[in-house]
Amino acid sequence: MKILAIGDVVGRIAVEHLSKKLYGVRAQLGADFVIANGENASEIHGVSASDAEGILAAGVDFITLGNHAFRCRDIGAFLDGSPDRIIRPANYPAECPGVGYSIVRACGVRMLIINIMGTVFLDALDNPFSTADRILEREAGSYDISVMDIHAEATSEKYALARYFDGRINIIFGTHTHVQTADEQILPRGTAYITDIGMTGSCGGILGTDSEAVIYKMRTHMPARFKVAEGEVRASAVLFELEDNAPYRAISVKRIRF
C-alpha cells in the first residue's frame, strides 16, 4: 500500500501544477492514496472552497490544513460539509468549523487521518499530545491504519510527537515550514516519519512567496503585502509504503519532487 503526502500547496499556480502533473506522477509511483496540505492554496493565506475543490480534482484524495485554515470565509461551510475530504487541526476549539480527524476507506482498509497543530511559536491551542491521544482512544478498534499531519514550526516538537506516537500511528509527517527535510526514516517501533514534506509552489521566491516583500518586512519590520512568487513550480512530496496486510508495517519512506 502506497500513500503519497504532498507538501503545503502555495497559491493557485501550485493548484494548476498539480492539475497538470499529479495524475501522471500518481500512476508512475503506483500511489493508492494522496494527501495534501492545502492551507496556503489561495494566494498564500488560507484556502477557499473553490481552490479546495481544485486540489481534489487534481488527483488529491484528502486535504489537511494548518494555522491559516480559516482565512477564507467560505471554507467553513466546505469543512462542515466534507469531513471525508478535508479536515483542520484537531486542537482548534470544537466551536470552529470542520473536524480534526476523519476515517476514510482506502485500498480496502479503514484509514484514520489526524491533523494536529504544534504550539511552539504558533497559536496557544490545546496540547497536541493529549489531543491526539484522545482521538486514538476514542476511535480504538474503528480503523486499520493511521496517518498524522503535524503542522508545526519547531522541528523538536514534530520529532517529539513522532517519538511519543511511534508504534501507535503508522505514518507521521510534518508540514508548515515549506522546506523538505532529509530525515525520512522508520522509527524504532515502526512508525514511518519525516519532519517536513516541503512545499508545492514557485521556487523563484522565499518559501513560495515573492522575495522582495519578505526581505522588506524582515529588514524594516514594516507591514508588507505578500504575493505568490514567480518562477518554476515544483511539488515536494513523500511516498510512504506499508505492508498490504495487518499489522500494515511501514516498509519504506521516499522523498519525491516533481
C-alpha atoms as a PDB file:
ATOM      1  CA  MET A   1       0.000   0.000   0.000  1.00  0.00           C
ATOM      2  CA  LYS A   2       1.467   3.339  -1.082  1.00  0.00           C
ATOM      3  CA  ILE A   3       0.398   6.690   0.343  1.00  0.00           C
ATOM      4  CA  LEU A   4       1.695   9.918  -1.210  1.00  0.00           C
ATOM      5  CA  ALA A   5       1.800  13.019   1.003  1.00  0.00           C
ATOM      6  CA  ILE A   6       2.222  16.390  -0.745  1.00  0.00           C
ATOM      7  CA  GLY A   7       3.715  19.451   0.958  1.00  0.00           C
ATOM      8  CA  ASP A   8       1.964  22.790   1.509  1.00  0.00           C
ATOM      9  CA  VAL A   9       0.258  23.966  -1.692  1.00  0.00           C
ATOM     10  CA  VAL A  10       1.179  27.654  -2.164  1.00  0.00           C
ATOM     11  CA  GLY A  11      -1.011  29.700  -4.476  1.00  0.00           C
ATOM     12  CA  ARG A  12      -3.233  28.877  -7.395  1.00  0.00           C
ATOM     13  CA  ILE A  13      -0.208  28.295  -9.615  1.00  0.00           C
ATOM     14  CA  ALA A  14       0.546  25.311  -7.390  1.00  0.00           C
ATOM     15  CA  VAL A  15      -3.019  24.027  -7.764  1.00  0.00           C
ATOM     16  CA  GLU A  16      -2.624  24.324 -11.534  1.00  0.00           C
ATOM     17  CA  HIS A  17       0.701  22.479 -11.348  1.00  0.00           C
ATOM     18  CA  LEU A  18      -0.953  19.581  -9.530  1.00  0.00           C
ATOM     19  CA  SER A  19      -3.739  19.570 -12.126  1.00  0.00           C
ATOM     20  CA  LYS A  20      -1.175  19.127 -14.898  1.00  0.00           C
ATOM     21  CA  LYS A  21       1.196  16.687 -13.222  1.00  0.00           C
ATOM     22  CA  LEU A  22      -0.319  14.747 -10.351  1.00  0.00           C
ATOM     23  CA  TYR A  23      -2.331  12.089 -12.173  1.00  0.00           C
ATOM     24  CA  GLY A  24       0.743  11.074 -14.178  1.00  0.00           C
ATOM     25  CA  VAL A  25       3.009  11.062 -11.119  1.00  0.00           C
ATOM     26  CA  ARG A  26       0.449   9.135  -9.117  1.00  0.00           C
ATOM     27  CA  ALA A  27       0.241   6.446 -11.798  1.00  0.00           C
ATOM     28  CA  GLN A  28       4.038   6.290 -12.174  1.00  0.00           C
ATOM     29  CA  LEU A  29       4.543   5.830  -8.428  1.00  0.00           C
ATOM     30  CA  GLY A  30       1.603   3.484  -8.002  1.00  0.00           C
ATOM     31  CA  ALA A  31       0.191   5.668  -5.219  1.00  0.00           C
ATOM     32  CA  ASP A  32      -3.050   4.278  -3.804  1.00  0.00           C
ATOM     33  CA  PHE A  33      -3.997   7.366  -1.795  1.00  0.00           C
ATOM     34  CA  VAL A  34      -2.877  11.014  -1.893  1.00  0.00           C
ATOM     35  CA  ILE A  35      -2.967  13.539   0.968  1.00  0.00           C
ATOM     36  CA  ALA A  36      -2.021  17.211   0.512  1.00  0.00           C
ATOM     37  CA  ASN A  37      -1.737  20.108   2.924  1.00  0.00           C
ATOM     38  CA  GLY A  38      -3.735  22.880   1.252  1.00  0.00           C
ATOM     39  CA  GLU A  39      -3.716  25.721   3.761  1.00  0.00           C
ATOM     40  CA  ASN A  40      -1.816  28.168   1.510  1.00  0.00           C
ATOM     41  CA  ALA A  41      -3.582  27.393  -1.762  1.00  0.00           C
ATOM     42  CA  SER A  42      -5.495  30.682  -2.051  1.00  0.00           C
ATOM     43  CA  GLU A  43      -2.644  33.108  -2.652  1.00  0.00           C
ATOM     44  CA  ILE A  44      -0.584  32.209   0.418  1.00  0.00           C
ATOM     45  CA  HIS A  45      -3.061  32.656   3.284  1.00  0.00           C
ATOM     46  CA  GLY A  46      -5.877  30.151   3.528  1.00  0.00           C
ATOM     47  CA  VAL A  47      -7.787  28.014   1.074  1.00  0.00           C
ATOM     48  CA  SER A  48     -11.128  28.845  -0.489  1.00  0.00           C
ATOM     49  CA  ALA A  49     -13.791  26.255  -1.197  1.00  0.00           C
ATOM     50  CA  SER A  50     -13.139  26.519  -4.944  1.00  0.00           C
ATOM     51  CA  ASP A  51      -9.385  26.052  -4.522  1.00  0.00           C
ATOM     52  CA  ALA A  52     -10.001  23.068  -2.244  1.00  0.00           C
ATOM     53  CA  GLU A  53     -12.194  21.594  -4.963  1.00  0.00           C
ATOM     54  CA  GLY A  54      -9.409  22.282  -7.450  1.00  0.00           C
ATOM     55  CA  ILE A  55      -6.880  20.377  -5.343  1.00  0.00           C
ATOM     56  CA  LEU A  56      -9.232  17.406  -5.082  1.00  0.00           C
ATOM     57  CA  ALA A  57      -9.983  17.492  -8.809  1.00  0.00           C
ATOM     58  CA  ALA A  58      -6.226  17.452  -9.498  1.00  0.00           C
ATOM     59  CA  GLY A  59      -5.939  13.946  -8.055  1.00  0.00           C
ATOM     60  CA  VAL A  60      -5.668  14.523  -4.305  1.00  0.00           C
ATOM     61  CA  ASP A  61      -7.911  12.308  -2.168  1.00  0.00           C
ATOM     62  CA  PHE A  62      -7.714  14.226   1.102  1.00  0.00           C
ATOM     63  CA  ILE A  63      -6.703  17.715   2.311  1.00  0.00           C
ATOM     64  CA  THR A  64      -5.219  18.732   5.650  1.00  0.00           C
ATOM     65  CA  LEU A  65      -4.798  22.320   6.855  1.00  0.00           C
ATOM     66  CA  GLY A  66      -2.934  24.412   9.447  1.00  0.00           C
ATOM     67  CA  ASN A  67      -2.700  27.831  11.064  1.00  0.00           C
ATOM     68  CA  HIS A  68      -4.264  29.592   8.033  1.00  0.00           C
ATOM     69  CA  ALA A  69      -7.206  27.175   7.960  1.00  0.00           C
ATOM     70  CA  PHE A  70      -9.940  29.785   8.383  1.00  0.00           C
ATOM     71  CA  ARG A  71      -8.525  32.759   6.444  1.00  0.00           C
ATOM     72  CA  CYS A  72     -11.012  32.305   3.574  1.00  0.00           C
ATOM     73  CA  ARG A  73     -14.537  32.780   4.855  1.00  0.00           C
ATOM     74  CA  ASP A  74     -16.242  30.287   2.561  1.00  0.00           C
ATOM     75  CA  ILE A  75     -14.097  27.382   3.734  1.00  0.00           C
ATOM     76  CA  GLY A  76     -16.180  26.938   6.894  1.00  0.00           C
ATOM     77  CA  ALA A  77     -19.185  25.507   5.090  1.00  0.00           C
ATOM     78  CA  PHE A  78     -16.933  23.319   2.957  1.00  0.00           C
ATOM     79  CA  LEU A  79     -15.210  21.952   6.069  1.00  0.00           C
ATOM     80  CA  ASP A  80     -18.554  21.200   7.693  1.00  0.00           C
ATOM     81  CA  GLY A  81     -19.903  19.545   4.562  1.00  0.00           C
ATOM     82  CA  SER A  82     -16.905  17.444   3.529  1.00  0.00           C
ATOM     83  CA  PRO A  83     -15.291  15.805   6.580  1.00  0.00           C
ATOM     84  CA  ASP A  84     -14.367  12.801   4.424  1.00  0.00           C
ATOM     85  CA  ARG A  85     -12.257  15.024   2.132  1.00  0.00           C
ATOM     86  CA  ILE A  86     -10.846  17.883   4.234  1.00  0.00           C
ATOM     87  CA  ILE A  87     -10.009  18.466   7.914  1.00  0.00           C
ATOM     88  CA  ARG A  88      -8.430  21.215  10.015  1.00  0.00           C
ATOM     89  CA  PRO A  89      -6.135  20.825  13.054  1.00  0.00           C
ATOM     90  CA  ALA A  90      -7.864  18.811  15.767  1.00  0.00           C
ATOM     91  CA  ASN A  91      -6.639  21.001  18.628  1.00  0.00           C
ATOM     92  CA  TYR A  92      -8.637  24.024  17.492  1.00  0.00           C
ATOM     93  CA  PRO A  93     -11.699  24.607  19.704  1.00  0.00           C
ATOM     94  CA  ALA A  94     -14.717  22.430  18.950  1.00  0.00           C
ATOM     95  CA  GLU A  95     -16.694  25.549  18.033  1.00  0.00           C
ATOM     96  CA  CYS A  96     -14.550  26.028  14.906  1.00  0.00           C
ATOM     97  CA  PRO A  97     -15.878  24.749  11.558  1.00  0.00           C
ATOM     98  CA  GLY A  98     -14.979  21.250  10.482  1.00  0.00           C
ATOM     99  CA  VAL A  99     -13.334  18.381  12.330  1.00  0.00           C
ATOM    100  CA  GLY A 100      -9.754  17.476  13.177  1.00  0.00           C
ATOM    101  CA  TYR A 101      -9.734  13.864  12.047  1.00  0.00           C
ATOM    102  CA  SER A 102     -11.607  11.509   9.765  1.00  0.00           C
ATOM    103  CA  ILE A 103     -11.798   7.804   8.979  1.00  0.00           C
ATOM    104  CA  VAL A 104     -11.918   7.061   5.257  1.00  0.00           C
ATOM    105  CA  ARG A 105     -11.900   3.911   3.151  1.00  0.00           C
ATOM    106  CA  ALA A 106      -8.797   3.359   1.039  1.00  0.00           C
ATOM    107  CA  CYS A 107      -7.362   0.201  -0.523  1.00  0.00           C
ATOM    108  CA  GLY A 108      -9.998  -1.822   1.288  1.00  0.00           C
ATOM    109  CA  VAL A 109      -8.894  -0.625   4.733  1.00  0.00           C
ATOM    110  CA  ARG A 110     -10.117   1.972   7.201  1.00  0.00           C
ATOM    111  CA  MET A 111      -7.666   4.860   7.383  1.00  0.00           C
ATOM    112  CA  LEU A 112      -7.677   7.269  10.328  1.00  0.00           C
ATOM    113  CA  ILE A 113      -6.267  10.657   9.276  1.00  0.00           C
ATOM    114  CA  ILE A 114      -5.416  13.151  12.040  1.00  0.00           C
ATOM    115  CA  ASN A 115      -4.458  16.798  11.543  1.00  0.00           C
ATOM    116  CA  ILE A 116      -2.689  18.347  14.536  1.00  0.00           C
ATOM    117  CA  MET A 117      -1.025  21.731  15.038  1.00  0.00           C
ATOM    118  CA  GLY A 118       2.055  22.466  17.091  1.00  0.00           C
ATOM    119  CA  THR A 119       2.009  25.146  19.769  1.00  0.00           C
ATOM    120  CA  VAL A 120       5.701  26.159  19.835  1.00  0.00           C
ATOM    121  CA  PHE A 121       5.920  29.596  18.111  1.00  0.00           C
ATOM    122  CA  LEU A 122       2.301  29.173  16.933  1.00  0.00           C
ATOM    123  CA  ASP A 123      -1.149  29.734  18.438  1.00  0.00           C
ATOM    124  CA  ALA A 124      -1.762  28.570  22.001  1.00  0.00           C
ATOM    125  CA  LEU A 125      -4.140  25.760  21.086  1.00  0.00           C
ATOM    126  CA  ASP A 126      -4.949  22.621  23.045  1.00  0.00           C
ATOM    127  CA  ASN A 127      -1.977  20.373  23.787  1.00  0.00           C
ATOM    128  CA  PRO A 128      -1.212  18.366  20.606  1.00  0.00           C
ATOM    129  CA  PHE A 129      -0.033  15.301  22.552  1.00  0.00           C
ATOM    130  CA  SER A 130      -3.204  14.957  24.611  1.00  0.00           C
ATOM    131  CA  THR A 131      -5.436  15.900  21.671  1.00  0.00           C
ATOM    132  CA  ALA A 132      -4.091  13.072  19.508  1.00  0.00           C
ATOM    133  CA  ASP A 133      -4.134  10.709  22.495  1.00  0.00           C
ATOM    134  CA  ARG A 134      -7.858  11.337  22.947  1.00  0.00           C
ATOM    135  CA  ILE A 135      -8.546  10.677  19.273  1.00  0.00           C
ATOM    136  CA  LEU A 136      -6.698   7.354  19.320  1.00  0.00           C
ATOM    137  CA  GLU A 137      -8.511   6.308  22.490  1.00  0.00           C
ATOM    138  CA  ARG A 138     -11.905   7.385  21.160  1.00  0.00           C
ATOM    139  CA  GLU A 139     -11.511   5.592  17.826  1.00  0.00           C
ATOM    140  CA  ALA A 140      -9.730   2.462  19.059  1.00  0.00           C
ATOM    141  CA  GLY A 141     -10.921  -0.517  17.018  1.00  0.00           C
ATOM    142  CA  SER A 142     -12.570   1.584  14.308  1.00  0.00           C
ATOM    143  CA  TYR A 143      -9.587   1.896  11.954  1.00  0.00           C
ATOM    144  CA  ASP A 144      -6.876  -0.293  10.426  1.00  0.00           C
ATOM    145  CA  ILE A 145      -4.085   2.186   9.675  1.00  0.00           C
ATOM    146  CA  SER A 146      -3.410   5.729  10.865  1.00  0.00           C
ATOM    147  CA  VAL A 147      -1.776   8.857   9.447  1.00  0.00           C
ATOM    148  CA  MET A 148      -0.989  12.169  11.167  1.00  0.00           C
ATOM    149  CA  ASP A 149      -0.028  15.535   9.687  1.00  0.00           C
ATOM    150  CA  ILE A 150       1.790  17.666  12.293  1.00  0.00           C
ATOM    151  CA  HIS A 151       1.544  21.277  11.158  1.00  0.00           C
ATOM    152  CA  ALA A 152       4.210  22.894  13.306  1.00  0.00           C
ATOM    153  CA  GLU A 153       7.058  25.409  13.344  1.00  0.00           C
ATOM    154  CA  ALA A 154       9.559  23.660  15.618  1.00  0.00           C
ATOM    155  CA  THR A 155      11.447  20.607  14.417  1.00  0.00           C
ATOM    156  CA  SER A 156      11.871  19.471  18.020  1.00  0.00           C
ATOM    157  CA  GLU A 157       8.111  19.499  18.620  1.00  0.00           C
ATOM    158  CA  LYS A 158       7.413  17.463  15.486  1.00  0.00           C
ATOM    159  CA  TYR A 159      10.065  14.922  16.376  1.00  0.00           C
ATOM    160  CA  ALA A 160       8.882  14.707  19.994  1.00  0.00           C
ATOM    161  CA  LEU A 161       5.335  13.997  18.813  1.00  0.00           C
ATOM    162  CA  ALA A 162       6.630  11.359  16.402  1.00  0.00           C
ATOM    163  CA  ARG A 163       8.629   9.623  19.114  1.00  0.00           C
ATOM    164  CA  TYR A 164       5.683   9.775  21.508  1.00  0.00           C
ATOM    165  CA  PHE A 165       3.336   8.150  18.973  1.00  0.00           C
ATOM    166  CA  ASP A 166       5.931   5.778  17.499  1.00  0.00           C
ATOM    167  CA  GLY A 167       4.287   2.382  17.078  1.00  0.00           C
ATOM    168  CA  ARG A 168       0.794   3.786  17.621  1.00  0.00           C
ATOM    169  CA  ILE A 169       0.427   5.731  14.365  1.00  0.00           C
ATOM    170  CA  ASN A 170       1.634   4.158  11.097  1.00  0.00           C
ATOM    171  CA  ILE A 171       2.635   7.331   9.244  1.00  0.00           C
ATOM    172  CA  ILE A 172       3.599  10.723  10.693  1.00  0.00           C
ATOM    173  CA  PHE A 173       4.781  13.669   8.618  1.00  0.00           C
ATOM    174  CA  GLY A 174       5.341  17.355   9.267  1.00  0.00           C
ATOM    175  CA  THR A 175       4.169  20.377   7.298  1.00  0.00           C
ATOM    176  CA  HIS A 176       4.309  24.194   7.598  1.00  0.00           C
ATOM    177  CA  THR A 177       7.976  25.149   7.157  1.00  0.00           C
ATOM    178  CA  HIS A 178       7.925  24.630   3.347  1.00  0.00           C
ATOM    179  CA  VAL A 179      11.451  23.141   3.327  1.00  0.00           C
ATOM    180  CA  GLN A 180      11.742  19.411   2.746  1.00  0.00           C
ATOM    181  CA  THR A 181      13.898  17.747   5.385  1.00  0.00           C
ATOM    182  CA  ALA A 182      16.296  14.863   4.779  1.00  0.00           C
ATOM    183  CA  ASP A 183      15.430  12.802   7.861  1.00  0.00           C
ATOM    184  CA  GLU A 184      12.972  10.310   6.385  1.00  0.00           C
ATOM    185  CA  GLN A 185      13.074   7.169   8.500  1.00  0.00           C
ATOM    186  CA  ILE A 186      11.225   4.300  10.115  1.00  0.00           C
ATOM    187  CA  LEU A 187      11.292   4.875  13.860  1.00  0.00           C
ATOM    188  CA  PRO A 188      12.244   2.078  16.311  1.00  0.00           C
ATOM    189  CA  ARG A 189       8.653   0.947  16.934  1.00  0.00           C
ATOM    190  CA  GLY A 190       7.679   1.020  13.266  1.00  0.00           C
ATOM    191  CA  THR A 191       6.259   4.484  12.500  1.00  0.00           C
ATOM    192  CA  ALA A 192       7.253   5.962   9.122  1.00  0.00           C
ATOM    193  CA  TYR A 193       8.310   9.587   9.647  1.00  0.00           C
ATOM    194  CA  ILE A 194       9.708  12.765   8.096  1.00  0.00           C
ATOM    195  CA  THR A 195       9.945  16.151   9.830  1.00  0.00           C
ATOM    196  CA  ASP A 196       8.692  18.212   6.877  1.00  0.00           C
ATOM    197  CA  ILE A 197       7.458  17.280   3.426  1.00  0.00           C
ATOM    198  CA  GLY A 198       8.275  20.679   1.919  1.00  0.00           C
ATOM    199  CA  MET A 199       6.004  22.719  -0.341  1.00  0.00           C
ATOM    200  CA  THR A 200       4.319  22.765  -3.710  1.00  0.00           C
ATOM    201  CA  GLY A 201       4.899  26.190  -5.227  1.00  0.00           C
ATOM    202  CA  SER A 202       7.250  28.551  -7.015  1.00  0.00           C
ATOM    203  CA  CYS A 203      10.972  28.118  -6.406  1.00  0.00           C
ATOM    204  CA  GLY A 204      11.591  31.716  -7.509  1.00  0.00           C
ATOM    205  CA  GLY A 205      10.947  33.319  -4.126  1.00  0.00           C
ATOM    206  CA  ILE A 206      11.159  32.609  -0.405  1.00  0.00           C
ATOM    207  CA  LEU A 207       9.034  29.627   0.633  1.00  0.00           C
ATOM    208  CA  GLY A 208       6.777  30.265  -2.356  1.00  0.00           C
ATOM    209  CA  THR A 209       6.375  33.968  -1.563  1.00  0.00           C
ATOM    210  CA  ASP A 210       7.757  36.916  -3.543  1.00  0.00           C
ATOM    211  CA  SER A 211      11.249  37.660  -2.177  1.00  0.00           C
ATOM    212  CA  GLU A 212      11.078  41.459  -2.238  1.00  0.00           C
ATOM    213  CA  ALA A 213       8.167  41.702   0.202  1.00  0.00           C
ATOM    214  CA  VAL A 214       9.633  39.130   2.582  1.00  0.00           C
ATOM    215  CA  ILE A 215      13.049  40.822   2.678  1.00  0.00           C
ATOM    216  CA  TYR A 216      11.473  44.258   3.156  1.00  0.00           C
ATOM    217  CA  LYS A 217       9.450  43.052   6.130  1.00  0.00           C
ATOM    218  CA  MET A 218      12.444  41.344   7.732  1.00  0.00           C
ATOM    219  CA  ARG A 219      14.740  44.355   7.214  1.00  0.00           C
ATOM    220  CA  THR A 220      12.312  47.050   8.359  1.00  0.00           C
ATOM    221  CA  HIS A 221       9.668  45.275  10.478  1.00  0.00           C
ATOM    222  CA  MET A 222       7.108  47.266   8.488  1.00  0.00           C
ATOM    223  CA  PRO A 223       3.903  45.699   7.117  1.00  0.00           C
ATOM    224  CA  ALA A 224       4.251  44.219   3.641  1.00  0.00           C
ATOM    225  CA  ARG A 225       1.763  42.737   1.222  1.00  0.00           C
ATOM    226  CA  PHE A 226       2.881  39.220   0.366  1.00  0.00           C
ATOM    227  CA  LYS A 227       2.191  37.699  -3.019  1.00  0.00           C
ATOM    228  CA  VAL A 228       2.991  34.376  -4.636  1.00  0.00           C
ATOM    229  CA  ALA A 229       6.443  34.222  -6.209  1.00  0.00           C
ATOM    230  CA  GLU A 230       7.011  33.780  -9.917  1.00  0.00           C
ATOM    231  CA  GLY A 231       9.255  31.124 -11.430  1.00  0.00           C
ATOM    232  CA  GLU A 232       9.385  27.373 -11.876  1.00  0.00           C
ATOM    233  CA  VAL A 233       6.819  25.460  -9.845  1.00  0.00           C
ATOM    234  CA  ARG A 234       7.818  22.230  -8.117  1.00  0.00           C
ATOM    235  CA  ALA A 235       5.973  19.830  -5.871  1.00  0.00           C
ATOM    236  CA  SER A 236       7.669  18.256  -2.854  1.00  0.00           C
ATOM    237  CA  ALA A 237       6.159  15.032  -1.576  1.00  0.00           C
ATOM    238  CA  VAL A 238       6.923  11.841   0.299  1.00  0.00           C
ATOM    239  CA  LEU A 239       5.882   8.329  -0.695  1.00  0.00           C
ATOM    240  CA  PHE A 240       5.151   6.030   2.238  1.00  0.00           C
ATOM    241  CA  GLU A 241       4.827   2.301   1.661  1.00  0.00           C
ATOM    242  CA  LEU A 242       3.102  -0.087   4.068  1.00  0.00           C
ATOM    243  CA  GLU A 243       2.561  -3.822   4.050  1.00  0.00           C
ATOM    244  CA  ASP A 244      -0.684  -4.833   2.350  1.00  0.00           C
ATOM    245  CA  ASN A 245      -1.868  -6.901   5.293  1.00  0.00           C
ATOM    246  CA  ALA A 246      -2.277  -6.361   9.039  1.00  0.00           C
ATOM    247  CA  PRO A 247      -0.431  -5.074  11.006  1.00  0.00           C
ATOM    248  CA  TYR A 248       0.449  -2.899   7.969  1.00  0.00           C
ATOM    249  CA  ARG A 249       4.066  -2.288   8.959  1.00  0.00           C
ATOM    250  CA  ALA A 250       5.958   0.558   7.268  1.00  0.00           C
ATOM    251  CA  ILE A 251       8.314  -0.688   4.564  1.00  0.00           C
ATOM    252  CA  SER A 252       9.835   2.491   3.159  1.00  0.00           C
ATOM    253  CA  VAL A 253       9.807   6.290   3.148  1.00  0.00           C
ATOM    254  CA  LYS A 254      10.948   8.078  -0.006  1.00  0.00           C
ATOM    255  CA  ARG A 255      11.238  11.779  -0.802  1.00  0.00           C
ATOM    256  CA  ILE A 256       9.754  12.825  -4.172  1.00  0.00           C
ATOM    257  CA  ARG A 257       9.911  16.050  -6.220  1.00  0.00           C
ATOM    258  CA  PHE A 258       8.113  16.753  -9.492  1.00  0.00           C
END
